[in-house]
Each structure stands twice: as structure tokens, then as C-alpha cells.
Amino acid sequence: METLKTECTPEENTHIITDIRFRPNSTQLATSSFDATVRVWDAAQPSYCMWKFTVHTAQVMSLDFHPKKNDLFCSCDGNSEIRFWNINQYSCTRISEASLLDP
């Protein structure tokens, strides 16, 4: 960060990254992408992803970690599907559909 120069450019995503979130109290971060994946990285060793979640059927638009239970995060795709994940169990714990309120 001090030099503002790139240390590493991972080549694993095949489309643009739509969101990046750091895992609380950790050096890990997660990215969502138009390639319908969520990937978890270690910022201390960013040359390859640690975990790759590939069950979304549309572009993953956003993600976020739980503020207190840092083993949990959610991701939302272009079909309004929200998936709740347990990162330690490498599993999707729940699926929900986002609904928009009419103005």
C-alpha cells in the first residue's frame, strides 16, 4: 500500500470483478465476478485463490461478510438469488430470492 504498486495480478477470473470484501479480522478477501463465481483470496499470498464457489447460475453482482460471524458471507447474482455461505464448511447454507419493493 505504501508504494501504490501492484504486487500480483491473479489471472483466475475470466470476466470483470464486481465486488471485493475483506473478511473481518483476517487477511482474506472475497471477490464476486461476472463469471458467476465467488473466490476467496489471502491478501498475504494473492497469486491464487484459496476457495472458488461456482453454484450461481448468473453473474454474481455483490457479496459481503457477516460483521461478527466472519465464517459466514452472502452473495447475490443477476437473477436476484442470494446464497448464504459457511466458508469453514465450504457449503451453501441457504438460498433466498431478493424481492424489490414497488415504488
PDB file of N, CA and C in Angstrom:
ATOM      1  N   MET A   1       0.808  -1.202   0.000  1.00  0.00           N
ATOM      2  CA  MET A   1       0.000   0.000   0.000  1.00  0.00           C
ATOM      3  C   MET A   1       0.848   1.263   0.000  1.00  0.00           C
ATOM      4  N   GLU A   2       1.982   1.210   0.636  1.00  0.00           N
ATOM      5  CA  GLU A   2       2.803   2.416   0.737  1.00  0.00           C
ATOM      6  C   GLU A   2       3.282   2.909  -0.625  1.00  0.00           C
ATOM      7  N   THR A   3       3.579   1.986  -1.536  1.00  0.00           N
ATOM      8  CA  THR A   3       4.082   2.380  -2.862  1.00  0.00           C
ATOM      9  C   THR A   3       2.972   2.517  -3.899  1.00  0.00           C
ATOM     10  N   LEU A   4       1.783   2.001  -3.595  1.00  0.00           N
ATOM     11  CA  LEU A   4       0.641   2.004  -4.502  1.00  0.00           C
ATOM     12  C   LEU A   4       0.932   1.268  -5.801  1.00  0.00           C
ATOM     13  N   LYS A   5       1.843   0.299  -5.755  1.00  0.00           N
ATOM     14  CA  LYS A   5       2.174  -0.503  -6.917  1.00  0.00           C
ATOM     15  C   LYS A   5       1.598  -1.899  -6.770  1.00  0.00           C
ATOM     16  N   THR A   6       1.233  -2.491  -7.888  1.00  0.00           N
ATOM     17  CA  THR A   6       0.668  -3.832  -7.900  1.00  0.00           C
ATOM     18  C   THR A   6       1.742  -4.855  -7.568  1.00  0.00           C
ATOM     19  N   GLU A   7       1.434  -5.739  -6.618  1.00  0.00           N
ATOM     20  CA  GLU A   7       2.346  -6.816  -6.241  1.00  0.00           C
ATOM     21  C   GLU A   7       2.101  -8.058  -7.076  1.00  0.00           C
ATOM     22  N   CYS A   8       0.839  -8.286  -7.413  1.00  0.00           N
ATOM     23  CA  CYS A   8       0.461  -9.515  -8.098  1.00  0.00           C
ATOM     24  C   CYS A   8      -0.826  -9.264  -8.863  1.00  0.00           C
ATOM     25  N   THR A   9      -0.965  -9.880 -10.020  1.00  0.00           N
ATOM     26  CA  THR A   9      -2.193  -9.787 -10.799  1.00  0.00           C
ATOM     27  C   THR A   9      -2.687 -11.198 -11.088  1.00  0.00           C
ATOM     28  N   PRO A  10      -3.573 -11.720 -10.226  1.00  0.00           N
ATOM     29  CA  PRO A  10      -4.089 -13.081 -10.455  1.00  0.00           C
ATOM     30  C   PRO A  10      -4.850 -13.155 -11.766  1.00  0.00           C
ATOM     31  N   GLU A  11      -4.738 -14.265 -12.436  1.00  0.00           N
ATOM     32  CA  GLU A  11      -5.365 -14.443 -13.746  1.00  0.00           C
ATOM     33  C   GLU A  11      -6.558 -15.392 -13.703  1.00  0.00           C
ATOM     34  N   GLU A  12      -7.088 -15.696 -12.535  1.00  0.00           N
ATOM     35  CA  GLU A  12      -8.114 -16.734 -12.430  1.00  0.00           C
ATOM     36  C   GLU A  12      -9.503 -16.291 -12.876  1.00  0.00           C
ATOM     37  N   ASN A  13      -9.885 -15.048 -12.659  1.00  0.00           N
ATOM     38  CA  ASN A  13     -11.206 -14.599 -13.096  1.00  0.00           C
ATOM     39  C   ASN A  13     -11.210 -14.420 -14.610  1.00  0.00           C
ATOM     40  N   THR A  14     -12.300 -14.877 -15.256  1.00  0.00           N
ATOM     41  CA  THR A  14     -12.389 -14.767 -16.704  1.00  0.00           C
ATOM     42  C   THR A  14     -13.222 -13.560 -17.142  1.00  0.00           C
ATOM     43  N   HIS A  15     -13.910 -12.901 -16.212  1.00  0.00           N
ATOM     44  CA  HIS A  15     -14.695 -11.705 -16.501  1.00  0.00           C
ATOM     45  C   HIS A  15     -14.414 -10.669 -15.411  1.00  0.00           C
ATOM     46  N   ILE A  16     -15.055  -9.510 -15.506  1.00  0.00           N
ATOM     47  CA  ILE A  16     -14.776  -8.438 -14.553  1.00  0.00           C
ATOM     48  C   ILE A  16     -15.197  -8.827 -13.130  1.00  0.00           C
ATOM     49  N   ILE A  17     -14.486  -8.287 -12.171  1.00  0.00           N
ATOM     50  CA  ILE A  17     -14.805  -8.467 -10.757  1.00  0.00           C
ATOM     51  C   ILE A  17     -15.805  -7.376 -10.390  1.00  0.00           C
ATOM     52  N   THR A  18     -16.907  -7.765  -9.764  1.00  0.00           N
ATOM     53  CA  THR A  18     -17.977  -6.825  -9.459  1.00  0.00           C
ATOM     54  C   THR A  18     -17.952  -6.308  -8.026  1.00  0.00           C
ATOM     55  N   ASP A  19     -17.323  -7.051  -7.110  1.00  0.00           N
ATOM     56  CA  ASP A  19     -17.293  -6.622  -5.713  1.00  0.00           C
ATOM     57  C   ASP A  19     -16.110  -7.275  -5.005  1.00  0.00           C
ATOM     58  N   ILE A  20     -15.591  -6.586  -4.017  1.00  0.00           N
ATOM     59  CA  ILE A  20     -14.499  -7.102  -3.184  1.00  0.00           C
ATOM     60  C   ILE A  20     -14.820  -6.759  -1.741  1.00  0.00           C
ATOM     61  N   ARG A  21     -14.701  -7.739  -0.859  1.00  0.00           N
ATOM     62  CA  ARG A  21     -14.938  -7.517   0.569  1.00  0.00           C
ATOM     63  C   ARG A  21     -13.866  -8.249   1.375  1.00  0.00           C
ATOM     64  N   PHE A  22     -13.338  -7.563   2.386  1.00  0.00           N
ATOM     65  CA  PHE A  22     -12.395  -8.204   3.289  1.00  0.00           C
ATOM     66  C   PHE A  22     -13.139  -8.957   4.382  1.00  0.00           C
ATOM     67  N   ARG A  23     -12.633 -10.131   4.713  1.00  0.00           N
ATOM     68  CA  ARG A  23     -13.170 -10.931   5.813  1.00  0.00           C
ATOM     69  C   ARG A  23     -12.725 -10.271   7.111  1.00  0.00           C
ATOM     70  N   PRO A  24     -13.673  -9.966   8.028  1.00  0.00           N
ATOM     71  CA  PRO A  24     -13.310  -9.270   9.269  1.00  0.00           C
ATOM     72  C   PRO A  24     -12.218 -10.005  10.041  1.00  0.00           C
ATOM     73  N   ASN A  25     -11.297  -9.237  10.583  1.00  0.00           N
ATOM     74  CA  ASN A  25     -10.205  -9.751  11.420  1.00  0.00           C
ATOM     75  C   ASN A  25      -9.375 -10.818  10.716  1.00  0.00           C
ATOM     76  N   SER A  26      -9.093 -10.613   9.445  1.00  0.00           N
ATOM     77  CA  SER A  26      -8.397 -11.619   8.651  1.00  0.00           C
ATOM     78  C   SER A  26      -7.624 -10.945   7.518  1.00  0.00           C
ATOM     79  N   THR A  27      -6.695 -11.671   6.919  1.00  0.00           N
ATOM     80  CA  THR A  27      -6.018 -11.177   5.723  1.00  0.00           C
ATOM     81  C   THR A  27      -6.727 -11.659   4.461  1.00  0.00           C
ATOM     82  N   GLN A  28      -7.846 -12.350   4.631  1.00  0.00           N
ATOM     83  CA  GLN A  28      -8.573 -12.892   3.490  1.00  0.00           C
ATOM     84  C   GLN A  28      -9.561 -11.878   2.926  1.00  0.00           C
ATOM     85  N   LEU A  29      -9.821 -12.016   1.622  1.00  0.00           N
ATOM     86  CA  LEU A  29     -10.829 -11.198   0.968  1.00  0.00           C
ATOM     87  C   LEU A  29     -11.578 -12.065  -0.024  1.00  0.00           C
ATOM     88  N   ALA A  30     -12.776 -11.636  -0.371  1.00  0.00           N
ATOM     89  CA  ALA A  30     -13.597 -12.369  -1.342  1.00  0.00           C
ATOM     90  C   ALA A  30     -13.919 -11.451  -2.509  1.00  0.00           C
ATOM     91  N   THR A  31     -14.018 -12.047  -3.699  1.00  0.00           N
ATOM     92  CA  THR A  31     -14.398 -11.302  -4.894  1.00  0.00           C
ATOM     93  C   THR A  31     -15.594 -11.981  -5.541  1.00  0.00           C
ATOM     94  N   SER A  32     -16.473 -11.169  -6.123  1.00  0.00           N
ATOM     95  CA  SER A  32     -17.562 -11.705  -6.943  1.00  0.00           C
ATOM     96  C   SER A  32     -17.302 -11.254  -8.372  1.00  0.00           C
ATOM     97  N   SER A  33     -17.854 -12.004  -9.331  1.00  0.00           N
ATOM     98  CA  SER A  33     -17.495 -11.737 -10.715  1.00  0.00           C
ATOM     99  C   SER A  33     -18.627 -12.042 -11.683  1.00  0.00           C
ATOM    100  N   PHE A  34     -18.519 -11.444 -12.880  1.00  0.00           N
ATOM    101  CA  PHE A  34     -19.433 -11.756 -13.975  1.00  0.00           C
ATOM    102  C   PHE A  34     -19.268 -13.186 -14.468  1.00  0.00           C
ATOM    103  N   ASP A  35     -18.209 -13.873 -14.072  1.00  0.00           N
ATOM    104  CA  ASP A  35     -18.046 -15.274 -14.482  1.00  0.00           C
ATOM    105  C   ASP A  35     -18.838 -16.227 -13.573  1.00  0.00           C
ATOM    106  N   ALA A  36     -19.763 -15.680 -12.764  1.00  0.00           N
ATOM    107  CA  ALA A  36     -20.671 -16.435 -11.889  1.00  0.00           C
ATOM    108  C   ALA A  36     -19.944 -17.143 -10.749  1.00  0.00           C
ATOM    109  N   THR A  37     -18.798 -16.608 -10.347  1.00  0.00           N
ATOM    110  CA  THR A  37     -18.055 -17.212  -9.244  1.00  0.00           C
ATOM    111  C   THR A  37     -17.877 -16.243  -8.093  1.00  0.00           C
ATOM    112  N   VAL A  38     -17.632 -16.826  -6.924  1.00  0.00           N
ATOM    113  CA  VAL A  38     -17.142 -16.105  -5.758  1.00  0.00           C
ATOM    114  C   VAL A  38     -15.832 -16.789  -5.396  1.00  0.00           C
ATOM    115  N   ARG A  39     -14.799 -15.986  -5.212  1.00  0.00           N
ATOM    116  CA  ARG A  39     -13.486 -16.539  -4.875  1.00  0.00           C
ATOM    117  C   ARG A  39     -12.974 -15.903  -3.598  1.00  0.00           C
ATOM    118  N   VAL A  40     -12.283 -16.714  -2.803  1.00  0.00           N
ATOM    119  CA  VAL A  40     -11.679 -16.227  -1.564  1.00  0.00           C
ATOM    120  C   VAL A  40     -10.168 -16.277  -1.742  1.00  0.00           C
ATOM    121  N   TRP A  41      -9.529 -15.183  -1.363  1.00  0.00           N
ATOM    122  CA  TRP A  41      -8.092 -14.996  -1.543  1.00  0.00           C
ATOM    123  C   TRP A  41      -7.441 -14.670  -0.203  1.00  0.00           C
ATOM    124  N   ASP A  42      -6.155 -14.920  -0.096  1.00  0.00           N
ATOM    125  CA  ASP A  42      -5.374 -14.462   1.047  1.00  0.00           C
ATOM    126  C   ASP A  42      -4.520 -13.299   0.555  1.00  0.00           C
ATOM    127  N   ALA A  43      -4.755 -12.120   1.106  1.00  0.00           N
ATOM    128  CA  ALA A  43      -4.025 -10.932   0.661  1.00  0.00           C
ATOM    129  C   ALA A  43      -2.526 -11.057   0.904  1.00  0.00           C
ATOM    130  N   ALA A  44      -2.120 -11.897   1.842  1.00  0.00           N
ATOM    131  CA  ALA A  44      -0.699 -12.099   2.102  1.00  0.00           C
ATOM    132  C   ALA A  44      -0.040 -12.955   1.022  1.00  0.00           C
ATOM    133  N   GLN A  45      -0.830 -13.780   0.314  1.00  0.00           N
ATOM    134  CA  GLN A  45      -0.337 -14.622  -0.781  1.00  0.00           C
ATOM    135  C   GLN A  45      -1.376 -14.613  -1.907  1.00  0.00           C
ATOM    136  N   PRO A  46      -1.493 -13.510  -2.648  1.00  0.00           N
ATOM    137  CA  PRO A  46      -2.605 -13.336  -3.592  1.00  0.00           C
ATOM    138  C   PRO A  46      -2.448 -13.986  -4.963  1.00  0.00           C
ATOM    139  N   SER A  47      -1.456 -14.797  -5.179  1.00  0.00           N
ATOM    140  CA  SER A  47      -1.229 -15.312  -6.529  1.00  0.00           C
ATOM    141  C   SER A  47      -2.231 -16.374  -6.966  1.00  0.00           C
ATOM    142  N   TYR A  48      -2.980 -16.968  -6.063  1.00  0.00           N
ATOM    143  CA  TYR A  48      -4.008 -17.946  -6.422  1.00  0.00           C
ATOM    144  C   TYR A  48      -5.135 -17.882  -5.402  1.00  0.00           C
ATOM    145  N   CYS A  49      -6.338 -18.265  -5.809  1.00  0.00           N
ATOM    146  CA  CYS A  49      -7.462 -18.218  -4.871  1.00  0.00           C
ATOM    147  C   CYS A  49      -7.458 -19.459  -3.984  1.00  0.00           C
ATOM    148  N   MET A  50      -7.930 -19.272  -2.758  1.00  0.00           N
ATOM    149  CA  MET A  50      -7.986 -20.361  -1.784  1.00  0.00           C
ATOM    150  C   MET A  50      -9.217 -21.240  -2.014  1.00  0.00           C
ATOM    151  N   TRP A  51     -10.357 -20.576  -2.270  1.00  0.00           N
ATOM    152  CA  TRP A  51     -11.617 -21.288  -2.486  1.00  0.00           C
ATOM    153  C   TRP A  51     -12.346 -20.648  -3.651  1.00  0.00           C
ATOM    154  N   LYS A  52     -13.056 -21.478  -4.398  1.00  0.00           N
ATOM    155  CA  LYS A  52     -13.848 -20.999  -5.523  1.00  0.00           C
ATOM    156  C   LYS A  52     -15.252 -21.590  -5.390  1.00  0.00           C
ATOM    157  N   PHE A  53     -16.249 -20.720  -5.314  1.00  0.00           N
ATOM    158  CA  PHE A  53     -17.651 -21.123  -5.202  1.00  0.00           C
ATOM    159  C   PHE A  53     -18.307 -20.892  -6.558  1.00  0.00           C
ATOM    160  N   THR A  54     -18.871 -21.950  -7.166  1.00  0.00           N
ATOM    161  CA  THR A  54     -19.324 -21.861  -8.562  1.00  0.00           C
ATOM    162  C   THR A  54     -20.778 -22.278  -8.775  1.00  0.00           C
ATOM    163  N   VAL A  55     -21.641 -22.147  -7.807  1.00  0.00           N
ATOM    164  CA  VAL A  55     -23.007 -22.645  -7.987  1.00  0.00           C
ATOM    165  C   VAL A  55     -24.005 -21.596  -8.480  1.00  0.00           C
ATOM    166  N   HIS A  56     -23.619 -20.339  -8.538  1.00  0.00           N
ATOM    167  CA  HIS A  56     -24.526 -19.330  -9.090  1.00  0.00           C
ATOM    168  C   HIS A  56     -24.728 -19.599 -10.583  1.00  0.00           C
ATOM    169  N   THR A  57     -25.929 -19.282 -11.079  1.00  0.00           N
ATOM    170  CA  THR A  57     -26.237 -19.502 -12.493  1.00  0.00           C
ATOM    171  C   THR A  57     -26.202 -18.207 -13.308  1.00  0.00           C
ATOM    172  N   ALA A  58     -25.928 -17.088 -12.638  1.00  0.00           N
ATOM    173  CA  ALA A  58     -25.834 -15.792 -13.313  1.00  0.00           C
ATOM    174  C   ALA A  58     -24.646 -15.030 -12.721  1.00  0.00           C
ATOM    175  N   GLN A  59     -24.345 -13.886 -13.322  1.00  0.00           N
ATOM    176  CA  GLN A  59     -23.242 -13.073 -12.817  1.00  0.00           C
ATOM    177  C   GLN A  59     -23.463 -12.743 -11.347  1.00  0.00           C
ATOM    178  N   VAL A  60     -22.421 -12.881 -10.549  1.00  0.00           N
ATOM    179  CA  VAL A  60     -22.507 -12.534  -9.135  1.00  0.00           C
ATOM    180  C   VAL A  60     -22.217 -11.045  -9.018  1.00  0.00           C
ATOM    181  N   MET A  61     -23.196 -10.315  -8.518  1.00  0.00           N
ATOM    182  CA  MET A  61     -23.115  -8.859  -8.504  1.00  0.00           C
ATOM    183  C   MET A  61     -22.502  -8.293  -7.229  1.00  0.00           C
ATOM    184  N   SER A  62     -22.733  -8.962  -6.088  1.00  0.00           N
ATOM    185  CA  SER A  62     -22.228  -8.414  -4.833  1.00  0.00           C
ATOM    186  C   SER A  62     -22.072  -9.519  -3.799  1.00  0.00           C
ATOM    187  N   LEU A  63     -21.337  -9.201  -2.748  1.00  0.00           N
ATOM    188  CA  LEU A  63     -21.147 -10.129  -1.644  1.00  0.00           C
ATOM    189  C   LEU A  63     -20.780  -9.332  -0.407  1.00  0.00           C
ATOM    190  N   ASP A  64     -20.924  -9.969   0.748  1.00  0.00           N
ATOM    191  CA  ASP A  64     -20.489  -9.331   1.992  1.00  0.00           C
ATOM    192  C   ASP A  64     -20.364 -10.371   3.082  1.00  0.00           C
ATOM    193  N   PHE A  65     -19.427 -10.141   3.994  1.00  0.00           N
ATOM    194  CA  PHE A  65     -19.243 -10.999   5.156  1.00  0.00           C
ATOM    195  C   PHE A  65     -20.133 -10.537   6.295  1.00  0.00           C
ATOM    196  N   HIS A  66     -20.522 -11.472   7.137  1.00  0.00           N
ATOM    197  CA  HIS A  66     -21.240 -11.140   8.356  1.00  0.00           C
ATOM    198  C   HIS A  66     -20.298 -10.325   9.234  1.00  0.00           C
ATOM    199  N   PRO A  67     -20.778  -9.250   9.867  1.00  0.00           N
ATOM    200  CA  PRO A  67     -19.864  -8.394  10.631  1.00  0.00           C
ATOM    201  C   PRO A  67     -19.280  -9.040  11.895  1.00  0.00           C
ATOM    202  N   LYS A  68     -19.957 -10.039  12.455  1.00  0.00           N
ATOM    203  CA  LYS A  68     -19.471 -10.662  13.695  1.00  0.00           C
ATOM    204  C   LYS A  68     -19.090 -12.127  13.521  1.00  0.00           C
ATOM    205  N   LYS A  69     -19.804 -12.840  12.676  1.00  0.00           N
ATOM    206  CA  LYS A  69     -19.522 -14.256  12.432  1.00  0.00           C
ATOM    207  C   LYS A  69     -18.753 -14.343  11.119  1.00  0.00           C
ATOM    208  N   ASN A  70     -17.427 -14.164  11.195  1.00  0.00           N
ATOM    209  CA  ASN A  70     -16.662 -13.995   9.970  1.00  0.00           C
ATOM    210  C   ASN A  70     -16.493 -15.269   9.144  1.00  0.00           C
ATOM    211  N   ASP A  71     -17.111 -16.371   9.570  1.00  0.00           N
ATOM    212  CA  ASP A  71     -17.124 -17.573   8.726  1.00  0.00           C
ATOM    213  C   ASP A  71     -18.337 -17.587   7.803  1.00  0.00           C
ATOM    214  N   LEU A  72     -19.208 -16.587   7.906  1.00  0.00           N
ATOM    215  CA  LEU A  72     -20.417 -16.509   7.089  1.00  0.00           C
ATOM    216  C   LEU A  72     -20.352 -15.332   6.132  1.00  0.00           C
ATOM    217  N   PHE A  73     -20.805 -15.558   4.896  1.00  0.00           N
ATOM    218  CA  PHE A  73     -20.950 -14.462   3.954  1.00  0.00           C
ATOM    219  C   PHE A  73     -22.115 -14.770   3.027  1.00  0.00           C
ATOM    220  N   CYS A  74     -22.583 -13.757   2.312  1.00  0.00           N
ATOM    221  CA  CYS A  74     -23.662 -13.952   1.343  1.00  0.00           C
ATOM    222  C   CYS A  74     -23.237 -13.376   0.006  1.00  0.00           C
ATOM    223  N   SER A  75     -23.849 -13.887  -1.048  1.00  0.00           N
ATOM    224  CA  SER A  75     -23.588 -13.401  -2.401  1.00  0.00           C
ATOM    225  C   SER A  75     -24.913 -13.308  -3.140  1.00  0.00           C
ATOM    226  N   CYS A  76     -25.017 -12.337  -4.037  1.00  0.00           N
ATOM    227  CA  CYS A  76     -26.252 -12.119  -4.788  1.00  0.00           C
ATOM    228  C   CYS A  76     -25.919 -12.048  -6.273  1.00  0.00           C
ATOM    229  N   ASP A  77     -26.736 -12.738  -7.084  1.00  0.00           N
ATOM    230  CA  ASP A  77     -26.456 -12.765  -8.521  1.00  0.00           C
ATOM    231  C   ASP A  77     -27.480 -11.969  -9.325  1.00  0.00           C
ATOM    232  N   GLY A  78     -27.291 -11.930 -10.620  1.00  0.00           N
ATOM    233  CA  GLY A  78     -28.150 -11.172 -11.528  1.00  0.00           C
ATOM    234  C   GLY A  78     -29.566 -11.694 -11.643  1.00  0.00           C
ATOM    235  N   ASN A  79     -29.822 -12.902 -11.146  1.00  0.00           N
ATOM    236  CA  ASN A  79     -31.185 -13.460 -11.125  1.00  0.00           C
ATOM    237  C   ASN A  79     -31.867 -13.205  -9.787  1.00  0.00           C
ATOM    238  N   SER A  80     -31.311 -12.307  -8.969  1.00  0.00           N
ATOM    239  CA  SER A  80     -31.830 -11.952  -7.637  1.00  0.00           C
ATOM    240  C   SER A  80     -31.768 -13.114  -6.647  1.00  0.00           C
ATOM    241  N   GLU A  81     -30.883 -14.052  -6.892  1.00  0.00           N
ATOM    242  CA  GLU A  81     -30.708 -15.162  -5.968  1.00  0.00           C
ATOM    243  C   GLU A  81     -29.624 -14.802  -4.955  1.00  0.00           C
ATOM    244  N   ILE A  82     -29.945 -14.943  -3.679  1.00  0.00           N
ATOM    245  CA  ILE A  82     -28.987 -14.691  -2.608  1.00  0.00           C
ATOM    246  C   ILE A  82     -28.602 -16.025  -2.004  1.00  0.00           C
ATOM    247  N   ARG A  83     -27.319 -16.267  -1.918  1.00  0.00           N
ATOM    248  CA  ARG A  83     -26.810 -17.501  -1.303  1.00  0.00           C
ATOM    249  C   ARG A  83     -26.053 -17.137  -0.039  1.00  0.00           C
ATOM    250  N   PHE A  84     -26.324 -17.903   1.014  1.00  0.00           N
ATOM    251  CA  PHE A  84     -25.660 -17.736   2.294  1.00  0.00           C
ATOM    252  C   PHE A  84     -24.662 -18.870   2.451  1.00  0.00           C
ATOM    253  N   TRP A  85     -23.415 -18.530   2.739  1.00  0.00           N
ATOM    254  CA  TRP A  85     -22.312 -19.478   2.740  1.00  0.00           C
ATOM    255  C   TRP A  85     -21.666 -19.602   4.116  1.00  0.00           C
ATOM    256  N   ASN A  86     -21.199 -20.803   4.423  1.00  0.00           N
ATOM    257  CA  ASN A  86     -20.312 -21.021   5.555  1.00  0.00           C
ATOM    258  C   ASN A  86     -18.945 -21.334   4.963  1.00  0.00           C
ATOM    259  N   ILE A  87     -18.022 -20.414   5.117  1.00  0.00           N
ATOM    260  CA  ILE A  87     -16.719 -20.551   4.482  1.00  0.00           C
ATOM    261  C   ILE A  87     -15.907 -21.700   5.076  1.00  0.00           C
ATOM    262  N   ASN A  88     -16.079 -21.987   6.367  1.00  0.00           N
ATOM    263  CA  ASN A  88     -15.324 -23.067   7.003  1.00  0.00           C
ATOM    264  C   ASN A  88     -15.799 -24.444   6.554  1.00  0.00           C
ATOM    265  N   GLN A  89     -17.080 -24.555   6.228  1.00  0.00           N
ATOM    266  CA  GLN A  89     -17.627 -25.838   5.768  1.00  0.00           C
ATOM    267  C   GLN A  89     -17.678 -25.919   4.245  1.00  0.00           C
ATOM    268  N   TYR A  90     -17.284 -24.843   3.575  1.00  0.00           N
ATOM    269  CA  TYR A  90     -17.309 -24.759   2.122  1.00  0.00           C
ATOM    270  C   TYR A  90     -18.679 -25.178   1.583  1.00  0.00           C
ATOM    271  N   SER A  91     -19.719 -24.604   2.177  1.00  0.00           N
ATOM    272  CA  SER A  91     -21.067 -25.016   1.791  1.00  0.00           C
ATOM    273  C   SER A  91     -22.029 -23.834   1.773  1.00  0.00           C
ATOM    274  N   CYS A  92     -23.037 -23.974   0.924  1.00  0.00           N
ATOM    275  CA  CYS A  92     -24.131 -23.025   0.874  1.00  0.00           C
ATOM    276  C   CYS A  92     -25.151 -23.457   1.924  1.00  0.00           C
ATOM    277  N   THR A  93     -25.441 -22.596   2.871  1.00  0.00           N
ATOM    278  CA  THR A  93     -26.336 -22.971   3.961  1.00  0.00           C
ATOM    279  C   THR A  93     -27.791 -22.597   3.701  1.00  0.00           C
ATOM    280  N   ARG A  94     -28.011 -21.652   2.778  1.00  0.00           N
ATOM    281  CA  ARG A  94     -29.386 -21.241   2.486  1.00  0.00           C
ATOM    282  C   ARG A  94     -29.424 -20.483   1.172  1.00  0.00           C
ATOM    283  N   ILE A  95     -30.555 -20.585   0.486  1.00  0.00           N
ATOM    284  CA  ILE A  95     -30.774 -19.846  -0.759  1.00  0.00           C
ATOM    285  C   ILE A  95     -32.073 -19.046  -0.590  1.00  0.00           C
ATOM    286  N   SER A  96     -32.040 -17.814  -1.011  1.00  0.00           N
ATOM    287  CA  SER A  96     -33.212 -16.943  -0.908  1.00  0.00           C
ATOM    288  C   SER A  96     -33.300 -16.133  -2.184  1.00  0.00           C
ATOM    289  N   GLU A  97     -34.483 -15.597  -2.473  1.00  0.00           N
ATOM    290  CA  GLU A  97     -34.638 -14.721  -3.633  1.00  0.00           C
ATOM    291  C   GLU A  97     -34.879 -13.316  -3.152  1.00  0.00           C
ATOM    292  N   ALA A  98     -34.109 -12.375  -3.672  1.00  0.00           N
ATOM    293  CA  ALA A  98     -34.283 -10.979  -3.322  1.00  0.00           C
ATOM    294  C   ALA A  98     -35.551 -10.466  -3.982  1.00  0.00           C
ATOM    295  N   SER A  99     -36.317  -9.703  -3.265  1.00  0.00           N
ATOM    296  CA  SER A  99     -37.520  -9.110  -3.854  1.00  0.00           C
ATOM    297  C   SER A  99     -37.426  -7.610  -3.749  1.00  0.00           C
ATOM    298  N   LEU A 100     -37.800  -6.947  -4.794  1.00  0.00           N
ATOM    299  CA  LEU A 100     -37.767  -5.495  -4.822  1.00  0.00           C
ATOM    300  C   LEU A 100     -39.152  -4.947  -4.500  1.00  0.00           C
ATOM    301  N   LEU A 101     -39.186  -3.913  -3.707  1.00  0.00           N
ATOM    302  CA  LEU A 101     -40.457  -3.270  -3.372  1.00  0.00           C
ATOM    303  C   LEU A 101     -40.851  -2.335  -4.499  1.00  0.00           C
ATOM    304  N   ASP A 102     -42.126  -2.328  -4.859  1.00  0.00           N
ATOM    305  CA  ASP A 102     -42.611  -1.388  -5.865  1.00  0.00           C
ATOM    306  C   ASP A 102     -42.587   0.022  -5.294  1.00  0.00           C
ATOM    307  N   PRO A 103     -42.162   1.009  -6.094  1.00  0.00           N
ATOM    308  CA  PRO A 103     -42.103   2.391  -5.595  1.00  0.00           C
ATOM    309  C   PRO A 103     -43.464   2.970  -5.318  1.00  0.00           C
TER     310      PRO A 103
END
